[in-house]
Amino acid sequence: MRQGYLETLLEIKLMQSTETSQGISDLEYNLLTVLQNKAEALQAYDTYIQDAQSADSHPCVELFQKLQQSDMQQVQEIRHHLQEVMQKGKM
């Protein structure tokens, strides 16, 4: 789901850039890159949480869940900024 969202945004932007012959801006690229890194981290946390559960380490389970939740909130903020930049060219 997360990867599909990124691909869709990039396809939309590439279609727009084909019409304008500009490509994506550094800011758009940076936001997309950060968003992709966060999406990958969110998927990895599931594995980390399972590993901590297998090791019977409740403090580590809580830590990974806390980090995952924080990244989810950051993803929402990044998505908002990216949508604004893609629509208006700046934030």
Foldseek 3Di string as FASTA:
>chain_A
DLVVVLVVLQVVLVVVCVVVVPHDDPVLVVLSVVLVVLVVLLVVLVVQLVVCVVVVNVVSNVVSVVVNVVSVVVSVVSVVQNVCCSVPVHD
